[in-house]
Each structure stands twice: as structure tokens, then as C-alpha cells.
PDB file of N, CA and C in Angstrom:
ATOM      1  N   MET A   1       0.846  -1.169   0.000  1.00  0.00           N
ATOM      2  CA  MET A   1       0.000   0.000   0.000  1.00  0.00           C
ATOM      3  C   MET A   1       0.894   1.235   0.000  1.00  0.00           C
ATOM      4  N   ARG A   2       0.564   2.206  -0.833  1.00  0.00           N
ATOM      5  CA  ARG A   2       1.404   3.396  -0.939  1.00  0.00           C
ATOM      6  C   ARG A   2       0.557   4.647  -0.859  1.00  0.00           C
ATOM      7  N   LEU A   3       1.170   5.707  -0.379  1.00  0.00           N
ATOM      8  CA  LEU A   3       0.535   7.011  -0.436  1.00  0.00           C
ATOM      9  C   LEU A   3       0.433   7.425  -1.895  1.00  0.00           C
ATOM     10  N   ALA A   4      -0.576   8.148  -2.201  1.00  0.00           N
ATOM     11  CA  ALA A   4      -0.720   8.610  -3.575  1.00  0.00           C
ATOM     12  C   ALA A   4       0.142   9.837  -3.799  1.00  0.00           C
ATOM     13  N   THR A   5      -0.383  11.012  -3.626  1.00  0.00           N
ATOM     14  CA  THR A   5       0.363  12.225  -3.957  1.00  0.00           C
ATOM     15  C   THR A   5       1.455  12.541  -2.951  1.00  0.00           C
ATOM     16  N   THR A   6       1.252  12.245  -1.689  1.00  0.00           N
ATOM     17  CA  THR A   6       2.239  12.599  -0.677  1.00  0.00           C
ATOM     18  C   THR A   6       3.544  11.847  -0.900  1.00  0.00           C
ATOM     19  N   GLU A   7       3.462  10.563  -1.166  1.00  0.00           N
ATOM     20  CA  GLU A   7       4.669   9.773  -1.374  1.00  0.00           C
ATOM     21  C   GLU A   7       5.457  10.315  -2.562  1.00  0.00           C
ATOM     22  N   HIS A   8       4.768  10.582  -3.640  1.00  0.00           N
ATOM     23  CA  HIS A   8       5.416  11.114  -4.833  1.00  0.00           C
ATOM     24  C   HIS A   8       6.076  12.454  -4.526  1.00  0.00           C
ATOM     25  N   LEU A   9       5.371  13.294  -3.821  1.00  0.00           N
ATOM     26  CA  LEU A   9       5.890  14.615  -3.478  1.00  0.00           C
ATOM     27  C   LEU A   9       7.145  14.509  -2.627  1.00  0.00           C
ATOM     28  N   LEU A  10       7.145  13.634  -1.635  1.00  0.00           N
ATOM     29  CA  LEU A  10       8.302  13.492  -0.759  1.00  0.00           C
ATOM     30  C   LEU A  10       9.510  12.951  -1.497  1.00  0.00           C
ATOM     31  N   GLN A  11       9.306  11.947  -2.333  1.00  0.00           N
ATOM     32  CA  GLN A  11      10.425  11.356  -3.051  1.00  0.00           C
ATOM     33  C   GLN A  11      11.022  12.343  -4.041  1.00  0.00           C
ATOM     34  N   GLY A  12      10.162  13.104  -4.680  1.00  0.00           N
ATOM     35  CA  GLY A  12      10.658  14.009  -5.709  1.00  0.00           C
ATOM     36  C   GLY A  12      11.146  15.342  -5.185  1.00  0.00           C
ATOM     37  N   GLN A  13      10.497  15.869  -4.150  1.00  0.00           N
ATOM     38  CA  GLN A  13      10.793  17.234  -3.750  1.00  0.00           C
ATOM     39  C   GLN A  13      11.126  17.391  -2.273  1.00  0.00           C
ATOM     40  N   GLY A  14      10.858  16.397  -1.459  1.00  0.00           N
ATOM     41  CA  GLY A  14      11.219  16.461  -0.046  1.00  0.00           C
ATOM     42  C   GLY A  14      10.120  16.958   0.864  1.00  0.00           C
ATOM     43  N   LEU A  15      10.405  16.885   2.153  1.00  0.00           N
ATOM     44  CA  LEU A  15       9.436  17.257   3.178  1.00  0.00           C
ATOM     45  C   LEU A  15       9.049  18.727   3.087  1.00  0.00           C
ATOM     46  N   ARG A  16       9.987  19.580   2.782  1.00  0.00           N
ATOM     47  CA  ARG A  16       9.686  21.019   2.686  1.00  0.00           C
ATOM     48  C   ARG A  16       8.587  21.278   1.660  1.00  0.00           C
ATOM     49  N   ALA A  17       8.629  20.594   0.533  1.00  0.00           N
ATOM     50  CA  ALA A  17       7.606  20.770  -0.497  1.00  0.00           C
ATOM     51  C   ALA A  17       6.259  20.249  -0.016  1.00  0.00           C
ATOM     52  N   ALA A  18       6.273  19.138   0.715  1.00  0.00           N
ATOM     53  CA  ALA A  18       5.024  18.599   1.259  1.00  0.00           C
ATOM     54  C   ALA A  18       4.405  19.599   2.233  1.00  0.00           C
ATOM     55  N   LEU A  19       5.225  20.166   3.083  1.00  0.00           N
ATOM     56  CA  LEU A  19       4.728  21.155   4.040  1.00  0.00           C
ATOM     57  C   LEU A  19       4.192  22.391   3.325  1.00  0.00           C
ATOM     58  N   ALA A  20       4.853  22.789   2.250  1.00  0.00           N
ATOM     59  CA  ALA A  20       4.410  23.953   1.488  1.00  0.00           C
ATOM     60  C   ALA A  20       3.048  23.715   0.856  1.00  0.00           C
ATOM     61  N   ARG A  21       2.744  22.479   0.520  1.00  0.00           N
ATOM     62  CA  ARG A  21       1.439  22.145  -0.068  1.00  0.00           C
ATOM     63  C   ARG A  21       0.372  21.949   0.991  1.00  0.00           C
ATOM     64  N   GLY A  22       0.739  22.083   2.252  1.00  0.00           N
ATOM     65  CA  GLY A  22      -0.259  21.966   3.304  1.00  0.00           C
ATOM     66  C   GLY A  22      -0.349  20.594   3.922  1.00  0.00           C
ATOM     67  N   VAL A  23       0.560  19.692   3.585  1.00  0.00           N
ATOM     68  CA  VAL A  23       0.573  18.370   4.206  1.00  0.00           C
ATOM     69  C   VAL A  23       1.251  18.506   5.559  1.00  0.00           C
ATOM     70  N   ARG A  24       0.523  18.260   6.616  1.00  0.00           N
ATOM     71  CA  ARG A  24       1.014  18.449   7.986  1.00  0.00           C
ATOM     72  C   ARG A  24       1.296  17.077   8.590  1.00  0.00           C
ATOM     73  N   PRO A  25       2.562  16.719   8.805  1.00  0.00           N
ATOM     74  CA  PRO A  25       2.870  15.415   9.407  1.00  0.00           C
ATOM     75  C   PRO A  25       2.245  15.279  10.797  1.00  0.00           C
ATOM     76  N   ALA A  26       1.981  14.061  11.192  1.00  0.00           N
ATOM     77  CA  ALA A  26       1.339  13.793  12.486  1.00  0.00           C
ATOM     78  C   ALA A  26       2.130  12.755  13.264  1.00  0.00           C
ATOM     79  N   VAL A  27       3.385  13.013  13.495  1.00  0.00           N
ATOM     80  CA  VAL A  27       4.234  12.073  14.212  1.00  0.00           C
ATOM     81  C   VAL A  27       3.690  11.878  15.625  1.00  0.00           C
ATOM     82  N   GLY A  28       3.559  10.618  16.021  1.00  0.00           N
ATOM     83  CA  GLY A  28       3.094  10.305  17.365  1.00  0.00           C
ATOM     84  C   GLY A  28       1.613   9.987  17.454  1.00  0.00           C
ATOM     85  N   PHE A  29       0.868  10.161  16.387  1.00  0.00           N
ATOM     86  CA  PHE A  29      -0.557   9.853  16.389  1.00  0.00           C
ATOM     87  C   PHE A  29      -0.809   8.564  15.610  1.00  0.00           C
ATOM     88  N   THR A  30      -1.670   7.737  16.124  1.00  0.00           N
ATOM     89  CA  THR A  30      -2.006   6.482  15.462  1.00  0.00           C
ATOM     90  C   THR A  30      -3.344   6.567  14.749  1.00  0.00           C
ATOM     91  N   ILE A  31      -4.299   7.217  15.389  1.00  0.00           N
ATOM     92  CA  ILE A  31      -5.640   7.363  14.827  1.00  0.00           C
ATOM     93  C   ILE A  31      -6.065   8.826  14.940  1.00  0.00           C
ATOM     94  N   PRO A  32      -7.013   9.254  14.131  1.00  0.00           N
ATOM     95  CA  PRO A  32      -7.450  10.648  14.170  1.00  0.00           C
ATOM     96  C   PRO A  32      -7.944  11.104  15.550  1.00  0.00           C
ATOM     97  N   ASP A  33      -8.575  10.220  16.277  1.00  0.00           N
ATOM     98  CA  ASP A  33      -9.088  10.587  17.596  1.00  0.00           C
ATOM     99  C   ASP A  33      -7.968  10.984  18.557  1.00  0.00           C
ATOM    100  N   ASP A  34      -6.757  10.453  18.337  1.00  0.00           N
ATOM    101  CA  ASP A  34      -5.606  10.848  19.167  1.00  0.00           C
ATOM    102  C   ASP A  34      -5.339  12.341  19.045  1.00  0.00           C
ATOM    103  N   VAL A  35      -5.548  12.876  17.859  1.00  0.00           N
ATOM    104  CA  VAL A  35      -5.338  14.301  17.627  1.00  0.00           C
ATOM    105  C   VAL A  35      -6.376  15.107  18.400  1.00  0.00           C
ATOM    106  N   VAL A  36      -7.634  14.698  18.302  1.00  0.00           N
ATOM    107  CA  VAL A  36      -8.720  15.396  18.993  1.00  0.00           C
ATOM    108  C   VAL A  36      -8.479  15.429  20.500  1.00  0.00           C
ATOM    109  N   LYS A  37      -8.002  14.326  21.047  1.00  0.00           N
ATOM    110  CA  LYS A  37      -7.841  14.194  22.495  1.00  0.00           C
ATOM    111  C   LYS A  37      -6.534  14.775  23.042  1.00  0.00           C
ATOM    112  N   ASP A  38      -5.598  15.150  22.192  1.00  0.00           N
ATOM    113  CA  ASP A  38      -4.304  15.641  22.666  1.00  0.00           C
ATOM    114  C   ASP A  38      -4.472  16.945  23.445  1.00  0.00           C
ATOM    115  N   PRO A  39      -4.103  16.949  24.734  1.00  0.00           N
ATOM    116  CA  PRO A  39      -4.307  18.148  25.555  1.00  0.00           C
ATOM    117  C   PRO A  39      -3.263  19.242  25.300  1.00  0.00           C
ATOM    118  N   HIS A  40      -2.206  18.936  24.584  1.00  0.00           N
ATOM    119  CA  HIS A  40      -1.123  19.894  24.382  1.00  0.00           C
ATOM    120  C   HIS A  40      -1.199  20.650  23.061  1.00  0.00           C
ATOM    121  N   LEU A  41      -2.022  20.181  22.156  1.00  0.00           N
ATOM    122  CA  LEU A  41      -2.134  20.842  20.849  1.00  0.00           C
ATOM    123  C   LEU A  41      -3.210  21.914  20.872  1.00  0.00           C
ATOM    124  N   PRO A  42      -2.894  23.087  20.362  1.00  0.00           N
ATOM    125  CA  PRO A  42      -3.938  24.109  20.219  1.00  0.00           C
ATOM    126  C   PRO A  42      -4.952  23.680  19.151  1.00  0.00           C
ATOM    127  N   LEU A  43      -6.125  24.226  19.241  1.00  0.00           N
ATOM    128  CA  LEU A  43      -7.202  23.895  18.317  1.00  0.00           C
ATOM    129  C   LEU A  43      -6.792  24.083  16.862  1.00  0.00           C
ATOM    130  N   THR A  44      -6.076  25.146  16.559  1.00  0.00           N
ATOM    131  CA  THR A  44      -5.679  25.390  15.164  1.00  0.00           C
ATOM    132  C   THR A  44      -4.771  24.291  14.632  1.00  0.00           C
ATOM    133  N   GLN A  45      -3.864  23.787  15.462  1.00  0.00           N
ATOM    134  CA  GLN A  45      -2.979  22.711  15.015  1.00  0.00           C
ATOM    135  C   GLN A  45      -3.747  21.401  14.853  1.00  0.00           C
ATOM    136  N   LYS A  46      -4.707  21.155  15.722  1.00  0.00           N
ATOM    137  CA  LYS A  46      -5.545  19.954  15.569  1.00  0.00           C
ATOM    138  C   LYS A  46      -6.274  19.998  14.230  1.00  0.00           C
ATOM    139  N   ARG A  47      -6.834  21.159  13.909  1.00  0.00           N
ATOM    140  CA  ARG A  47      -7.529  21.313  12.622  1.00  0.00           C
ATOM    141  C   ARG A  47      -6.579  21.093  11.447  1.00  0.00           C
ATOM    142  N   GLU A  48      -5.385  21.647  11.537  1.00  0.00           N
ATOM    143  CA  GLU A  48      -4.394  21.498  10.454  1.00  0.00           C
ATOM    144  C   GLU A  48      -4.054  20.028  10.228  1.00  0.00           C
ATOM    145  N   ILE A  49      -3.790  19.322  11.310  1.00  0.00           N
ATOM    146  CA  ILE A  49      -3.413  17.911  11.193  1.00  0.00           C
ATOM    147  C   ILE A  49      -4.556  17.096  10.605  1.00  0.00           C
ATOM    148  N   LEU A  50      -5.751  17.263  11.159  1.00  0.00           N
ATOM    149  CA  LEU A  50      -6.896  16.483  10.671  1.00  0.00           C
ATOM    150  C   LEU A  50      -7.256  16.862   9.232  1.00  0.00           C
ATOM    151  N   SER A  51      -7.128  18.114   8.889  1.00  0.00           N
ATOM    152  CA  SER A  51      -7.416  18.526   7.511  1.00  0.00           C
ATOM    153  C   SER A  51      -6.404  17.931   6.537  1.00  0.00           C
ATOM    154  N   SER A  52      -5.143  17.899   6.936  1.00  0.00           N
ATOM    155  CA  SER A  52      -4.122  17.258   6.094  1.00  0.00           C
ATOM    156  C   SER A  52      -4.403  15.778   5.937  1.00  0.00           C
ATOM    157  N   TRP A  53      -4.824  15.161   7.034  1.00  0.00           N
ATOM    158  CA  TRP A  53      -5.116  13.727   7.017  1.00  0.00           C
ATOM    159  C   TRP A  53      -6.287  13.438   6.087  1.00  0.00           C
ATOM    160  N   ALA A  54      -7.264  14.330   6.049  1.00  0.00           N
ATOM    161  CA  ALA A  54      -8.453  14.126   5.210  1.00  0.00           C
ATOM    162  C   ALA A  54      -8.209  14.453   3.747  1.00  0.00           C
ATOM    163  N   SER A  55      -7.179  15.227   3.468  1.00  0.00           N
ATOM    164  CA  SER A  55      -6.975  15.721   2.102  1.00  0.00           C
ATOM    165  C   SER A  55      -6.574  14.617   1.128  1.00  0.00           C
ATOM    166  N   ASP A  56      -6.751  14.920  -0.141  1.00  0.00           N
ATOM    167  CA  ASP A  56      -6.345  13.991  -1.191  1.00  0.00           C
ATOM    168  C   ASP A  56      -4.843  13.749  -1.177  1.00  0.00           C
ATOM    169  N   ALA A  57      -4.077  14.686  -0.635  1.00  0.00           N
ATOM    170  CA  ALA A  57      -2.625  14.516  -0.563  1.00  0.00           C
ATOM    171  C   ALA A  57      -2.248  13.336   0.332  1.00  0.00           C
ATOM    172  N   SER A  58      -3.154  12.915   1.205  1.00  0.00           N
ATOM    173  CA  SER A  58      -2.900  11.772   2.090  1.00  0.00           C
ATOM    174  C   SER A  58      -3.618  10.506   1.633  1.00  0.00           C
ATOM    175  N   ALA A  59      -4.195  10.555   0.452  1.00  0.00           N
ATOM    176  CA  ALA A  59      -4.912   9.389  -0.075  1.00  0.00           C
ATOM    177  C   ALA A  59      -3.940   8.257  -0.375  1.00  0.00           C
ATOM    178  N   VAL A  60      -4.424   7.054  -0.207  1.00  0.00           N
ATOM    179  CA  VAL A  60      -3.647   5.856  -0.528  1.00  0.00           C
ATOM    180  C   VAL A  60      -3.940   5.494  -1.980  1.00  0.00           C
ATOM    181  N   GLN A  61      -2.883   5.273  -2.730  1.00  0.00           N
ATOM    182  CA  GLN A  61      -3.037   4.941  -4.146  1.00  0.00           C
ATOM    183  C   GLN A  61      -3.938   3.733  -4.319  1.00  0.00           C
ATOM    184  N   ASP A  62      -4.910   3.846  -5.201  1.00  0.00           N
ATOM    185  CA  ASP A  62      -5.862   2.789  -5.537  1.00  0.00           C
ATOM    186  C   ASP A  62      -6.780   2.416  -4.379  1.00  0.00           C
ATOM    187  N   GLU A  63      -6.798   3.196  -3.312  1.00  0.00           N
ATOM    188  CA  GLU A  63      -7.683   2.961  -2.166  1.00  0.00           C
ATOM    189  C   GLU A  63      -8.278   4.303  -1.729  1.00  0.00           C
ATOM    190  N   PRO A  64      -9.225   4.850  -2.481  1.00  0.00           N
ATOM    191  CA  PRO A  64      -9.712   6.196  -2.213  1.00  0.00           C
ATOM    192  C   PRO A  64     -10.410   6.368  -0.868  1.00  0.00           C
ATOM    193  N   THR A  65     -10.783   5.299  -0.211  1.00  0.00           N
ATOM    194  CA  THR A  65     -11.449   5.414   1.088  1.00  0.00           C
ATOM    195  C   THR A  65     -10.457   5.423   2.246  1.00  0.00           C
ATOM    196  N   LEU A  66      -9.153   5.337   1.955  1.00  0.00           N
ATOM    197  CA  LEU A  66      -8.135   5.330   3.010  1.00  0.00           C
ATOM    198  C   LEU A  66      -7.263   6.576   2.931  1.00  0.00           C
ATOM    199  N   ARG A  67      -6.803   7.015   4.100  1.00  0.00           N
ATOM    200  CA  ARG A  67      -5.867   8.137   4.192  1.00  0.00           C
ATOM    201  C   ARG A  67      -4.689   7.713   5.052  1.00  0.00           C
ATOM    202  N   TRP A  68      -3.484   8.072   4.620  1.00  0.00           N
ATOM    203  CA  TRP A  68      -2.266   7.722   5.343  1.00  0.00           C
ATOM    204  C   TRP A  68      -1.434   8.979   5.487  1.00  0.00           C
ATOM    205  N   LEU A  69      -1.499   9.589   6.637  1.00  0.00           N
ATOM    206  CA  LEU A  69      -0.808  10.840   6.873  1.00  0.00           C
ATOM    207  C   LEU A  69       0.639  10.586   7.236  1.00  0.00           C
ATOM    208  N   LEU A  70       1.524  11.451   6.744  1.00  0.00           N
ATOM    209  CA  LEU A  70       2.944  11.365   7.082  1.00  0.00           C
ATOM    210  C   LEU A  70       3.108  11.266   8.592  1.00  0.00           C
ATOM    211  N   GLY A  71       3.920  10.334   9.029  1.00  0.00           N
ATOM    212  CA  GLY A  71       4.198  10.187  10.454  1.00  0.00           C
ATOM    213  C   GLY A  71       3.303   9.199  11.163  1.00  0.00           C
ATOM    214  N   THR A  72       2.266   8.710  10.502  1.00  0.00           N
ATOM    215  CA  THR A  72       1.393   7.720  11.128  1.00  0.00           C
ATOM    216  C   THR A  72       1.792   6.328  10.666  1.00  0.00           C
ATOM    217  N   PRO A  73       1.550   5.309  11.525  1.00  0.00           N
ATOM    218  CA  PRO A  73       2.056   3.980  11.198  1.00  0.00           C
ATOM    219  C   PRO A  73       1.307   3.243  10.090  1.00  0.00           C
ATOM    220  N   GLU A  74       0.033   3.580   9.883  1.00  0.00           N
ATOM    221  CA  GLU A  74      -0.742   2.858   8.869  1.00  0.00           C
ATOM    222  C   GLU A  74      -1.929   3.700   8.426  1.00  0.00           C
ATOM    223  N   PRO A  75      -2.550   3.329   7.309  1.00  0.00           N
ATOM    224  CA  PRO A  75      -3.700   4.089   6.830  1.00  0.00           C
ATOM    225  C   PRO A  75      -4.920   3.891   7.719  1.00  0.00           C
ATOM    226  N   VAL A  76      -5.814   4.866   7.658  1.00  0.00           N
ATOM    227  CA  VAL A  76      -7.089   4.796   8.376  1.00  0.00           C
ATOM    228  C   VAL A  76      -8.200   5.137   7.388  1.00  0.00           C
ATOM    229  N   PRO A  77      -9.417   4.686   7.671  1.00  0.00           N
ATOM    230  CA  PRO A  77     -10.532   5.054   6.795  1.00  0.00           C
ATOM    231  C   PRO A  77     -10.777   6.565   6.805  1.00  0.00           C
ATOM    232  N   PHE A  78     -11.107   7.112   5.642  1.00  0.00           N
ATOM    233  CA  PHE A  78     -11.419   8.529   5.539  1.00  0.00           C
ATOM    234  C   PHE A  78     -12.529   8.913   6.510  1.00  0.00           C
ATOM    235  N   THR A  79     -13.504   8.030   6.687  1.00  0.00           N
ATOM    236  CA  THR A  79     -14.619   8.335   7.583  1.00  0.00           C
ATOM    237  C   THR A  79     -14.154   8.560   9.022  1.00  0.00           C
ATOM    238  N   ASP A  80     -13.100   7.872   9.454  1.00  0.00           N
ATOM    239  CA  ASP A  80     -12.559   8.100  10.801  1.00  0.00           C
ATOM    240  C   ASP A  80     -11.999   9.516  10.932  1.00  0.00           C
ATOM    241  N   VAL A  81     -11.345   9.978   9.889  1.00  0.00           N
ATOM    242  CA  VAL A  81     -10.776  11.328   9.902  1.00  0.00           C
ATOM    243  C   VAL A  81     -11.905  12.357   9.891  1.00  0.00           C
ATOM    244  N   ARG A  82     -12.867  12.146   9.024  1.00  0.00           N
ATOM    245  CA  ARG A  82     -14.015  13.065   8.941  1.00  0.00           C
ATOM    246  C   ARG A  82     -14.752  13.139  10.271  1.00  0.00           C
ATOM    247  N   ASP A  83     -14.988  11.992  10.897  1.00  0.00           N
ATOM    248  CA  ASP A  83     -15.694  11.967  12.174  1.00  0.00           C
ATOM    249  C   ASP A  83     -14.907  12.674  13.274  1.00  0.00           C
ATOM    250  N   ALA A  84     -13.590  12.545  13.258  1.00  0.00           N
ATOM    251  CA  ALA A  84     -12.753  13.235  14.244  1.00  0.00           C
ATOM    252  C   ALA A  84     -12.840  14.747  14.055  1.00  0.00           C
ATOM    253  N   LEU A  85     -12.830  15.202  12.804  1.00  0.00           N
ATOM    254  CA  LEU A  85     -12.991  16.637  12.533  1.00  0.00           C
ATOM    255  C   LEU A  85     -14.340  17.143  13.038  1.00  0.00           C
ATOM    256  N   LEU A  86     -15.381  16.374  12.816  1.00  0.00           N
ATOM    257  CA  LEU A  86     -16.708  16.763  13.288  1.00  0.00           C
ATOM    258  C   LEU A  86     -16.755  16.831  14.817  1.00  0.00           C
ATOM    259  N   ARG A  87     -16.138  15.862  15.499  1.00  0.00           N
ATOM    260  CA  ARG A  87     -16.101  15.885  16.967  1.00  0.00           C
ATOM    261  C   ARG A  87     -15.341  17.106  17.471  1.00  0.00           C
ATOM    262  N   LEU A  88     -14.246  17.428  16.814  1.00  0.00           N
ATOM    263  CA  LEU A  88     -13.463  18.594  17.202  1.00  0.00           C
ATOM    264  C   LEU A  88     -14.300  19.872  17.065  1.00  0.00           C
ATOM    265  N   GLU A  89     -14.995  20.014  15.968  1.00  0.00           N
ATOM    266  CA  GLU A  89     -15.809  21.207  15.748  1.00  0.00           C
ATOM    267  C   GLU A  89     -16.975  21.267  16.741  1.00  0.00           C
ATOM    268  N   ARG A  90     -17.559  20.145  17.057  1.00  0.00           N
ATOM    269  CA  ARG A  90     -18.644  20.138  18.045  1.00  0.00           C
ATOM    270  C   ARG A  90     -18.149  20.568  19.419  1.00  0.00           C
ATOM    271  N   ARG A  91     -16.935  20.162  19.775  1.00  0.00           N
ATOM    272  CA  ARG A  91     -16.352  20.556  21.059  1.00  0.00           C
ATOM    273  C   ARG A  91     -16.159  22.062  21.131  1.00  0.00           C
ATOM    274  N   THR A  92     -15.906  22.674  20.023  1.00  0.00           N
ATOM    275  CA  THR A  92     -15.662  24.111  20.021  1.00  0.00           C
ATOM    276  C   THR A  92     -16.946  24.902  19.783  1.00  0.00           C
ATOM    277  N   GLY A  93     -18.050  24.177  19.564  1.00  0.00           N
ATOM    278  CA  GLY A  93     -19.333  24.846  19.403  1.00  0.00           C
ATOM    279  C   GLY A  93     -19.566  25.430  18.050  1.00  0.00           C
ATOM    280  N   GLU A  94     -18.769  25.042  17.056  1.00  0.00           N
ATOM    281  CA  GLU A  94     -18.908  25.631  15.720  1.00  0.00           C
ATOM    282  C   GLU A  94     -19.856  24.855  14.823  1.00  0.00           C
ATOM    283  N   VAL A  95     -20.223  23.651  15.229  1.00  0.00           N
ATOM    284  CA  VAL A  95     -21.165  22.854  14.439  1.00  0.00           C
ATOM    285  C   VAL A  95     -22.365  22.587  15.326  1.00  0.00           C
ATOM    286  N   SER A  96     -23.554  22.861  14.835  1.00  0.00           N
ATOM    287  CA  SER A  96     -24.747  22.632  15.661  1.00  0.00           C
ATOM    288  C   SER A  96     -25.306  21.252  15.442  1.00  0.00           C
TER     289      SER A  96
END
């Protein structure tokens, strides 16, 4: 299983280029809910990480329902990432 655009970007242009495109590595997180629950991350960084995880840049080649964010050990279903983003927004009162 391989990352789609992120893997290509890293091999060809490096981490700096990935960061410039908005791909935010998530070293230390295994699942999206870990990001939501992290007491040390500010809300803006949680949003950045989860948004990067949900983006097409983290898509797994030939597996459009999976996302594999840089720094995570394995892919997760896109729905897990989406649900974590929704939980985060509900906690902040931005989604009714």
C-alpha cells in the first residue's frame, strides 16, 4: 500500500515541499481521535493535522477510502478522519 500524492511529493521534492502544499505530518498519532484528544495541541494545530489527514494529498493509491498521513504507522478510513474533525468542531461549538 502506498501514499498517492504525498509519497510522490516526498520522493521528488522532499518534506519542505510537502509542508508547502499543506501536508502536515502527524508524528506520534495512530488514529485521528488521538489528535482530537491531545491536551497539548492548540485547536488550530488539531484542525491542520486532521485537515491534512483528510486531504487527497494523504490518499492511498488505488484505495480512495483510506488516508495515510505522514508520520502515522498505517492508513485509516477517511470516515474516521471526517468523524474526528466533526467531533473537534462540536467541542468548540462551531457545528450545531
